[in-house]
Structures are given as structure tokens and as C-alpha cells.
Amino acid sequence: MPRRTWPGAGTVEVLPPGARTFGEAPSETRRQCAGRFLASYVNKNTRDTYEVDLRLWFRFIDEYRIDYLTAHRSHIDLWCR
């Protein structure tokens, strides 16, 4: 798998367009990751707030065609603005 160095992010593996993660459809893997993250919070208000944030984040990365596993700090900074 090709590797690329990103400023401030170190060296990462670059997935070819259309590559799938763990042999699953990207949306299913993303739902599983979000579910595990949310399940780690005991407080319902915290979970609900993070769920809204995740929905907005996923909408943003879908719009700009950014893979959620390869997003960088610069993508997050752009989303926060």
C-alpha cells in the first residue's frame, strides 16, 4: 500500500479510491466506530451531544469526499469554521 507524509500528521497509508475498510461497506464501518465511541460515554446528555456532532461531521466529510479514517487536523479546522 502506498504511503504519504503529511505535514503535522506523520506518515500514513493512502488507500486507493473506492477501497473498503475491513472488507465492509464504508458506511457500516463508520456506524460501528461511531457507536463504539458513543457507547463509551455513560452520561446520556454527553452521548446525545456527541451524536449530533458526529452527524454534522459525517455530513461535512461526505460533502467534501473525505474518508473518515484518513481525515486530518486541517479538515477538522475547516469544519469548525
PDB file of N, CA and C in Angstrom:
ATOM      1  N   MET A   1       0.845  -1.168   0.000  1.00  0.00           N
ATOM      2  CA  MET A   1       0.000   0.000   0.000  1.00  0.00           C
ATOM      3  C   MET A   1       0.899   1.242   0.000  1.00  0.00           C
ATOM      4  N   PRO A   2       0.610   2.227  -0.848  1.00  0.00           N
ATOM      5  CA  PRO A   2       1.447   3.435  -0.893  1.00  0.00           C
ATOM      6  C   PRO A   2       1.355   4.228   0.403  1.00  0.00           C
ATOM      7  N   ARG A   3       2.439   4.931   0.704  1.00  0.00           N
ATOM      8  CA  ARG A   3       2.490   5.746   1.916  1.00  0.00           C
ATOM      9  C   ARG A   3       2.776   7.181   1.523  1.00  0.00           C
ATOM     10  N   ARG A   4       2.269   8.113   2.323  1.00  0.00           N
ATOM     11  CA  ARG A   4       2.484   9.520   2.052  1.00  0.00           C
ATOM     12  C   ARG A   4       2.718  10.251   3.362  1.00  0.00           C
ATOM     13  N   THR A   5       3.602  11.217   3.347  1.00  0.00           N
ATOM     14  CA  THR A   5       3.871  12.005   4.542  1.00  0.00           C
ATOM     15  C   THR A   5       3.065  13.296   4.481  1.00  0.00           C
ATOM     16  N   TRP A   6       2.328  13.564   5.551  1.00  0.00           N
ATOM     17  CA  TRP A   6       1.515  14.779   5.662  1.00  0.00           C
ATOM     18  C   TRP A   6       2.129  15.673   6.726  1.00  0.00           C
ATOM     19  N   PRO A   7       2.257  16.967   6.466  1.00  0.00           N
ATOM     20  CA  PRO A   7       2.784  17.877   7.481  1.00  0.00           C
ATOM     21  C   PRO A   7       1.944  17.812   8.749  1.00  0.00           C
ATOM     22  N   GLY A   8       2.593  17.586   9.862  1.00  0.00           N
ATOM     23  CA  GLY A   8       1.912  17.541  11.147  1.00  0.00           C
ATOM     24  C   GLY A   8       1.176  16.250  11.438  1.00  0.00           C
ATOM     25  N   ALA A   9       1.099  15.339  10.484  1.00  0.00           N
ATOM     26  CA  ALA A   9       0.356  14.100  10.702  1.00  0.00           C
ATOM     27  C   ALA A   9       1.240  12.869  10.596  1.00  0.00           C
ATOM     28  N   GLY A  10       2.489  13.042  10.228  1.00  0.00           N
ATOM     29  CA  GLY A  10       3.375  11.903  10.077  1.00  0.00           C
ATOM     30  C   GLY A  10       3.124  11.177   8.765  1.00  0.00           C
ATOM     31  N   THR A  11       3.523   9.925   8.716  1.00  0.00           N
ATOM     32  CA  THR A  11       3.364   9.119   7.511  1.00  0.00           C
ATOM     33  C   THR A  11       2.121   8.258   7.650  1.00  0.00           C
ATOM     34  N   VAL A  12       1.295   8.257   6.620  1.00  0.00           N
ATOM     35  CA  VAL A  12       0.066   7.477   6.644  1.00  0.00           C
ATOM     36  C   VAL A  12      -0.031   6.645   5.380  1.00  0.00           C
ATOM     37  N   GLU A  13      -0.792   5.564   5.453  1.00  0.00           N
ATOM     38  CA  GLU A  13      -1.050   4.767   4.268  1.00  0.00           C
ATOM     39  C   GLU A  13      -2.169   5.429   3.488  1.00  0.00           C
ATOM     40  N   VAL A  14      -2.015   5.475   2.192  1.00  0.00           N
ATOM     41  CA  VAL A  14      -3.016   6.090   1.329  1.00  0.00           C
ATOM     42  C   VAL A  14      -3.817   4.982   0.667  1.00  0.00           C
ATOM     43  N   LEU A  15      -5.130   4.990   0.918  1.00  0.00           N
ATOM     44  CA  LEU A  15      -5.994   3.987   0.314  1.00  0.00           C
ATOM     45  C   LEU A  15      -6.355   4.419  -1.101  1.00  0.00           C
ATOM     46  N   PRO A  16      -6.371   3.495  -2.027  1.00  0.00           N
ATOM     47  CA  PRO A  16      -6.798   3.855  -3.381  1.00  0.00           C
ATOM     48  C   PRO A  16      -8.279   4.226  -3.374  1.00  0.00           C
ATOM     49  N   PRO A  17      -8.723   5.069  -4.323  1.00  0.00           N
ATOM     50  CA  PRO A  17     -10.138   5.441  -4.380  1.00  0.00           C
ATOM     51  C   PRO A  17     -11.027   4.204  -4.422  1.00  0.00           C
ATOM     52  N   GLY A  18     -12.080   4.222  -3.638  1.00  0.00           N
ATOM     53  CA  GLY A  18     -13.028   3.110  -3.618  1.00  0.00           C
ATOM     54  C   GLY A  18     -12.621   1.951  -2.727  1.00  0.00           C
ATOM     55  N   ALA A  19     -11.467   2.060  -2.055  1.00  0.00           N
ATOM     56  CA  ALA A  19     -11.021   0.971  -1.181  1.00  0.00           C
ATOM     57  C   ALA A  19     -11.978   0.826  -0.008  1.00  0.00           C
ATOM     58  N   ARG A  20     -12.181  -0.370   0.426  1.00  0.00           N
ATOM     59  CA  ARG A  20     -13.053  -0.622   1.574  1.00  0.00           C
ATOM     60  C   ARG A  20     -12.205  -1.001   2.770  1.00  0.00           C
ATOM     61  N   THR A  21     -12.713  -0.663   3.939  1.00  0.00           N
ATOM     62  CA  THR A  21     -12.003  -0.925   5.181  1.00  0.00           C
ATOM     63  C   THR A  21     -12.546  -2.197   5.828  1.00  0.00           C
ATOM     64  N   PHE A  22     -11.684  -3.100   6.203  1.00  0.00           N
ATOM     65  CA  PHE A  22     -12.039  -4.332   6.891  1.00  0.00           C
ATOM     66  C   PHE A  22     -13.037  -5.172   6.105  1.00  0.00           C
ATOM     67  N   GLY A  23     -13.074  -5.006   4.780  1.00  0.00           N
ATOM     68  CA  GLY A  23     -13.950  -5.817   3.955  1.00  0.00           C
ATOM     69  C   GLY A  23     -15.422  -5.465   4.068  1.00  0.00           C
ATOM     70  N   GLU A  24     -15.745  -4.341   4.727  1.00  0.00           N
ATOM     71  CA  GLU A  24     -17.130  -3.951   4.903  1.00  0.00           C
ATOM     72  C   GLU A  24     -17.416  -2.683   4.117  1.00  0.00           C
ATOM     73  N   ALA A  25     -18.675  -2.402   3.921  1.00  0.00           N
ATOM     74  CA  ALA A  25     -19.055  -1.146   3.284  1.00  0.00           C
ATOM     75  C   ALA A  25     -18.632   0.002   4.194  1.00  0.00           C
ATOM     76  N   PRO A  26     -18.090   1.084   3.637  1.00  0.00           N
ATOM     77  CA  PRO A  26     -17.606   2.188   4.467  1.00  0.00           C
ATOM     78  C   PRO A  26     -18.644   2.730   5.438  1.00  0.00           C
ATOM     79  N   SER A  27     -19.898   2.852   5.026  1.00  0.00           N
ATOM     80  CA  SER A  27     -20.902   3.416   5.923  1.00  0.00           C
ATOM     81  C   SER A  27     -21.152   2.512   7.129  1.00  0.00           C
ATOM     82  N   GLU A  28     -21.104   1.202   6.939  1.00  0.00           N
ATOM     83  CA  GLU A  28     -21.307   0.285   8.060  1.00  0.00           C
ATOM     84  C   GLU A  28     -20.150   0.379   9.046  1.00  0.00           C
ATOM     85  N   THR A  29     -18.943   0.422   8.547  1.00  0.00           N
ATOM     86  CA  THR A  29     -17.784   0.544   9.419  1.00  0.00           C
ATOM     87  C   THR A  29     -17.855   1.860  10.189  1.00  0.00           C
ATOM     88  N   ARG A  30     -18.258   2.912   9.522  1.00  0.00           N
ATOM     89  CA  ARG A  30     -18.368   4.218  10.161  1.00  0.00           C
ATOM     90  C   ARG A  30     -19.414   4.188  11.267  1.00  0.00           C
ATOM     91  N   ARG A  31     -20.541   3.559  11.019  1.00  0.00           N
ATOM     92  CA  ARG A  31     -21.583   3.443  12.052  1.00  0.00           C
ATOM     93  C   ARG A  31     -21.066   2.665  13.256  1.00  0.00           C
ATOM     94  N   GLN A  32     -20.314   1.613  13.000  1.00  0.00           N
ATOM     95  CA  GLN A  32     -19.773   0.822  14.099  1.00  0.00           C
ATOM     96  C   GLN A  32     -18.791   1.644  14.937  1.00  0.00           C
ATOM     97  N   CYS A  33     -17.920   2.377  14.272  1.00  0.00           N
ATOM     98  CA  CYS A  33     -16.954   3.215  15.003  1.00  0.00           C
ATOM     99  C   CYS A  33     -17.661   4.282  15.825  1.00  0.00           C
ATOM    100  N   ALA A  34     -18.653   4.929  15.227  1.00  0.00           N
ATOM    101  CA  ALA A  34     -19.404   5.963  15.949  1.00  0.00           C
ATOM    102  C   ALA A  34     -20.147   5.346  17.131  1.00  0.00           C
ATOM    103  N   GLY A  35     -20.735   4.181  16.920  1.00  0.00           N
ATOM    104  CA  GLY A  35     -21.455   3.511  18.002  1.00  0.00           C
ATOM    105  C   GLY A  35     -20.555   3.148  19.164  1.00  0.00           C
ATOM    106  N   ARG A  36     -19.372   2.655  18.871  1.00  0.00           N
ATOM    107  CA  ARG A  36     -18.422   2.316  19.944  1.00  0.00           C
ATOM    108  C   ARG A  36     -17.981   3.569  20.696  1.00  0.00           C
ATOM    109  N   PHE A  37     -17.729   4.636  19.952  1.00  0.00           N
ATOM    110  CA  PHE A  37     -17.329   5.891  20.580  1.00  0.00           C
ATOM    111  C   PHE A  37     -18.436   6.393  21.507  1.00  0.00           C
ATOM    112  N   LEU A  38     -19.666   6.422  21.013  1.00  0.00           N
ATOM    113  CA  LEU A  38     -20.772   6.918  21.817  1.00  0.00           C
ATOM    114  C   LEU A  38     -21.052   6.021  23.021  1.00  0.00           C
ATOM    115  N   ALA A  39     -20.892   4.721  22.859  1.00  0.00           N
ATOM    116  CA  ALA A  39     -21.145   3.791  23.962  1.00  0.00           C
ATOM    117  C   ALA A  39     -20.171   3.979  25.118  1.00  0.00           C
ATOM    118  N   SER A  40     -19.056   4.625  24.872  1.00  0.00           N
ATOM    119  CA  SER A  40     -18.064   4.812  25.939  1.00  0.00           C
ATOM    120  C   SER A  40     -18.469   5.915  26.925  1.00  0.00           C
ATOM    121  N   TYR A  41     -19.528   6.652  26.614  1.00  0.00           N
ATOM    122  CA  TYR A  41     -19.991   7.724  27.495  1.00  0.00           C
ATOM    123  C   TYR A  41     -21.213   7.279  28.275  1.00  0.00           C
ATOM    124  N   VAL A  42     -21.145   7.398  29.592  1.00  0.00           N
ATOM    125  CA  VAL A  42     -22.226   6.964  30.460  1.00  0.00           C
ATOM    126  C   VAL A  42     -23.347   8.000  30.492  1.00  0.00           C
ATOM    127  N   ASN A  43     -22.987   9.275  30.516  1.00  0.00           N
ATOM    128  CA  ASN A  43     -23.968  10.345  30.616  1.00  0.00           C
ATOM    129  C   ASN A  43     -24.734  10.499  29.306  1.00  0.00           C
ATOM    130  N   LYS A  44     -26.073  10.399  29.387  1.00  0.00           N
ATOM    131  CA  LYS A  44     -26.908  10.476  28.189  1.00  0.00           C
ATOM    132  C   LYS A  44     -26.765  11.819  27.480  1.00  0.00           C
ATOM    133  N   ASN A  45     -26.679  12.912  28.222  1.00  0.00           N
ATOM    134  CA  ASN A  45     -26.543  14.229  27.605  1.00  0.00           C
ATOM    135  C   ASN A  45     -25.248  14.336  26.801  1.00  0.00           C
ATOM    136  N   THR A  46     -24.177  13.778  27.333  1.00  0.00           N
ATOM    137  CA  THR A  46     -22.897  13.780  26.624  1.00  0.00           C
ATOM    138  C   THR A  46     -23.001  12.975  25.345  1.00  0.00           C
ATOM    139  N   ARG A  47     -23.591  11.778  25.446  1.00  0.00           N
ATOM    140  CA  ARG A  47     -23.768  10.927  24.257  1.00  0.00           C
ATOM    141  C   ARG A  47     -24.599  11.635  23.193  1.00  0.00           C
ATOM    142  N   ASP A  48     -25.701  12.241  23.617  1.00  0.00           N
ATOM    143  CA  ASP A  48     -26.583  12.923  22.662  1.00  0.00           C
ATOM    144  C   ASP A  48     -25.866  14.075  21.961  1.00  0.00           C
ATOM    145  N   THR A  49     -25.083  14.831  22.724  1.00  0.00           N
ATOM    146  CA  THR A  49     -24.350  15.958  22.148  1.00  0.00           C
ATOM    147  C   THR A  49     -23.304  15.476  21.152  1.00  0.00           C
ATOM    148  N   TYR A  50     -22.548  14.447  21.527  1.00  0.00           N
ATOM    149  CA  TYR A  50     -21.552  13.902  20.605  1.00  0.00           C
ATOM    150  C   TYR A  50     -22.207  13.278  19.372  1.00  0.00           C
ATOM    151  N   GLU A  51     -23.389  12.703  19.528  1.00  0.00           N
ATOM    152  CA  GLU A  51     -24.067  12.122  18.377  1.00  0.00           C
ATOM    153  C   GLU A  51     -24.418  13.202  17.348  1.00  0.00           C
ATOM    154  N   VAL A  52     -24.887  14.341  17.826  1.00  0.00           N
ATOM    155  CA  VAL A  52     -25.176  15.458  16.921  1.00  0.00           C
ATOM    156  C   VAL A  52     -23.895  15.903  16.224  1.00  0.00           C
ATOM    157  N   ASP A  53     -22.810  16.042  16.998  1.00  0.00           N
ATOM    158  CA  ASP A  53     -21.526  16.449  16.412  1.00  0.00           C
ATOM    159  C   ASP A  53     -21.068  15.463  15.341  1.00  0.00           C
ATOM    160  N   LEU A  54     -21.208  14.171  15.623  1.00  0.00           N
ATOM    161  CA  LEU A  54     -20.788  13.164  14.648  1.00  0.00           C
ATOM    162  C   LEU A  54     -21.630  13.223  13.374  1.00  0.00           C
ATOM    163  N   ARG A  55     -22.923  13.436  13.519  1.00  0.00           N
ATOM    164  CA  ARG A  55     -23.787  13.546  12.334  1.00  0.00           C
ATOM    165  C   ARG A  55     -23.351  14.728  11.460  1.00  0.00           C
ATOM    166  N   LEU A  56     -23.067  15.867  12.106  1.00  0.00           N
ATOM    167  CA  LEU A  56     -22.617  17.046  11.356  1.00  0.00           C
ATOM    168  C   LEU A  56     -21.253  16.801  10.717  1.00  0.00           C
ATOM    169  N   TRP A  57     -20.348  16.156  11.448  1.00  0.00           N
ATOM    170  CA  TRP A  57     -19.018  15.840  10.922  1.00  0.00           C
ATOM    171  C   TRP A  57     -19.118  14.920   9.710  1.00  0.00           C
ATOM    172  N   PHE A  58     -19.929  13.846   9.818  1.00  0.00           N
ATOM    173  CA  PHE A  58     -20.067  12.913   8.702  1.00  0.00           C
ATOM    174  C   PHE A  58     -20.714  13.582   7.498  1.00  0.00           C
ATOM    175  N   ARG A  59     -21.654  14.483   7.725  1.00  0.00           N
ATOM    176  CA  ARG A  59     -22.254  15.219   6.614  1.00  0.00           C
ATOM    177  C   ARG A  59     -21.187  16.055   5.899  1.00  0.00           C
ATOM    178  N   PHE A  60     -20.327  16.707   6.697  1.00  0.00           N
ATOM    179  CA  PHE A  60     -19.251  17.529   6.137  1.00  0.00           C
ATOM    180  C   PHE A  60     -18.284  16.684   5.308  1.00  0.00           C
ATOM    181  N   ILE A  61     -17.793  15.576   5.875  1.00  0.00           N
ATOM    182  CA  ILE A  61     -16.802  14.791   5.143  1.00  0.00           C
ATOM    183  C   ILE A  61     -17.415  14.109   3.926  1.00  0.00           C
ATOM    184  N   ASP A  62     -18.699  13.776   3.983  1.00  0.00           N
ATOM    185  CA  ASP A  62     -19.361  13.224   2.802  1.00  0.00           C
ATOM    186  C   ASP A  62     -19.434  14.275   1.700  1.00  0.00           C
ATOM    187  N   GLU A  63     -19.765  15.498   2.086  1.00  0.00           N
ATOM    188  CA  GLU A  63     -19.888  16.573   1.103  1.00  0.00           C
ATOM    189  C   GLU A  63     -18.562  16.843   0.395  1.00  0.00           C
ATOM    190  N   TYR A  64     -17.455  16.781   1.155  1.00  0.00           N
ATOM    191  CA  TYR A  64     -16.136  17.057   0.586  1.00  0.00           C
ATOM    192  C   TYR A  64     -15.384  15.790   0.184  1.00  0.00           C
ATOM    193  N   ARG A  65     -16.073  14.644   0.280  1.00  0.00           N
ATOM    194  CA  ARG A  65     -15.495  13.349  -0.117  1.00  0.00           C
ATOM    195  C   ARG A  65     -14.183  13.040   0.597  1.00  0.00           C
ATOM    196  N   ILE A  66     -14.199  13.207   1.906  1.00  0.00           N
ATOM    197  CA  ILE A  66     -13.050  12.911   2.758  1.00  0.00           C
ATOM    198  C   ILE A  66     -13.329  11.584   3.450  1.00  0.00           C
ATOM    199  N   ASP A  67     -12.404  10.653   3.373  1.00  0.00           N
ATOM    200  CA  ASP A  67     -12.572   9.386   4.065  1.00  0.00           C
ATOM    201  C   ASP A  67     -12.413   9.624   5.563  1.00  0.00           C
ATOM    202  N   TYR A  68     -13.351   9.132   6.355  1.00  0.00           N
ATOM    203  CA  TYR A  68     -13.318   9.405   7.794  1.00  0.00           C
ATOM    204  C   TYR A  68     -12.090   8.824   8.494  1.00  0.00           C
ATOM    205  N   LEU A  69     -11.485   7.807   7.936  1.00  0.00           N
ATOM    206  CA  LEU A  69     -10.293   7.219   8.550  1.00  0.00           C
ATOM    207  C   LEU A  69      -9.002   7.937   8.160  1.00  0.00           C
ATOM    208  N   THR A  70      -9.065   8.797   7.161  1.00  0.00           N
ATOM    209  CA  THR A  70      -7.852   9.495   6.730  1.00  0.00           C
ATOM    210  C   THR A  70      -7.974  11.005   6.878  1.00  0.00           C
ATOM    211  N   ALA A  71      -9.010  11.475   7.581  1.00  0.00           N
ATOM    212  CA  ALA A  71      -9.178  12.914   7.814  1.00  0.00           C
ATOM    213  C   ALA A  71      -8.015  13.433   8.658  1.00  0.00           C
ATOM    214  N   HIS A  72      -7.643  14.671   8.417  1.00  0.00           N
ATOM    215  CA  HIS A  72      -6.519  15.295   9.128  1.00  0.00           C
ATOM    216  C   HIS A  72      -6.994  16.504   9.907  1.00  0.00           C
ATOM    217  N   ARG A  73      -6.118  17.010  10.735  1.00  0.00           N
ATOM    218  CA  ARG A  73      -6.432  18.173  11.553  1.00  0.00           C
ATOM    219  C   ARG A  73      -6.924  19.343  10.693  1.00  0.00           C
ATOM    220  N   SER A  74      -6.354  19.523   9.537  1.00  0.00           N
ATOM    221  CA  SER A  74      -6.773  20.620   8.660  1.00  0.00           C
ATOM    222  C   SER A  74      -8.237  20.472   8.253  1.00  0.00           C
ATOM    223  N   HIS A  75      -8.719  19.235   8.077  1.00  0.00           N
ATOM    224  CA  HIS A  75     -10.120  19.012   7.756  1.00  0.00           C
ATOM    225  C   HIS A  75     -11.011  19.408   8.938  1.00  0.00           C
ATOM    226  N   ILE A  76     -10.580  19.054  10.134  1.00  0.00           N
ATOM    227  CA  ILE A  76     -11.343  19.394  11.338  1.00  0.00           C
ATOM    228  C   ILE A  76     -11.385  20.907  11.526  1.00  0.00           C
ATOM    229  N   ASP A  77     -10.247  21.569  11.309  1.00  0.00           N
ATOM    230  CA  ASP A  77     -10.205  23.029  11.430  1.00  0.00           C
ATOM    231  C   ASP A  77     -11.174  23.690  10.437  1.00  0.00           C
ATOM    232  N   LEU A  78     -11.225  23.181   9.222  1.00  0.00           N
ATOM    233  CA  LEU A  78     -12.128  23.724   8.216  1.00  0.00           C
ATOM    234  C   LEU A  78     -13.585  23.511   8.630  1.00  0.00           C
ATOM    235  N   TRP A  79     -13.888  22.343   9.150  1.00  0.00           N
ATOM    236  CA  TRP A  79     -15.252  22.026   9.598  1.00  0.00           C
ATOM    237  C   TRP A  79     -15.686  22.923  10.750  1.00  0.00           C
ATOM    238  N   CYS A  80     -14.781  23.213  11.654  1.00  0.00           N
ATOM    239  CA  CYS A  80     -15.112  24.037  12.821  1.00  0.00           C
ATOM    240  C   CYS A  80     -15.419  25.485  12.449  1.00  0.00           C
ATOM    241  N   ARG A  81     -14.958  25.926  11.307  1.00  0.00           N
ATOM    242  CA  ARG A  81     -15.206  27.319  10.909  1.00  0.00           C
ATOM    243  C   ARG A  81     -16.560  27.397  10.354  1.00  0.00           C
TER     244      ARG A  81
END
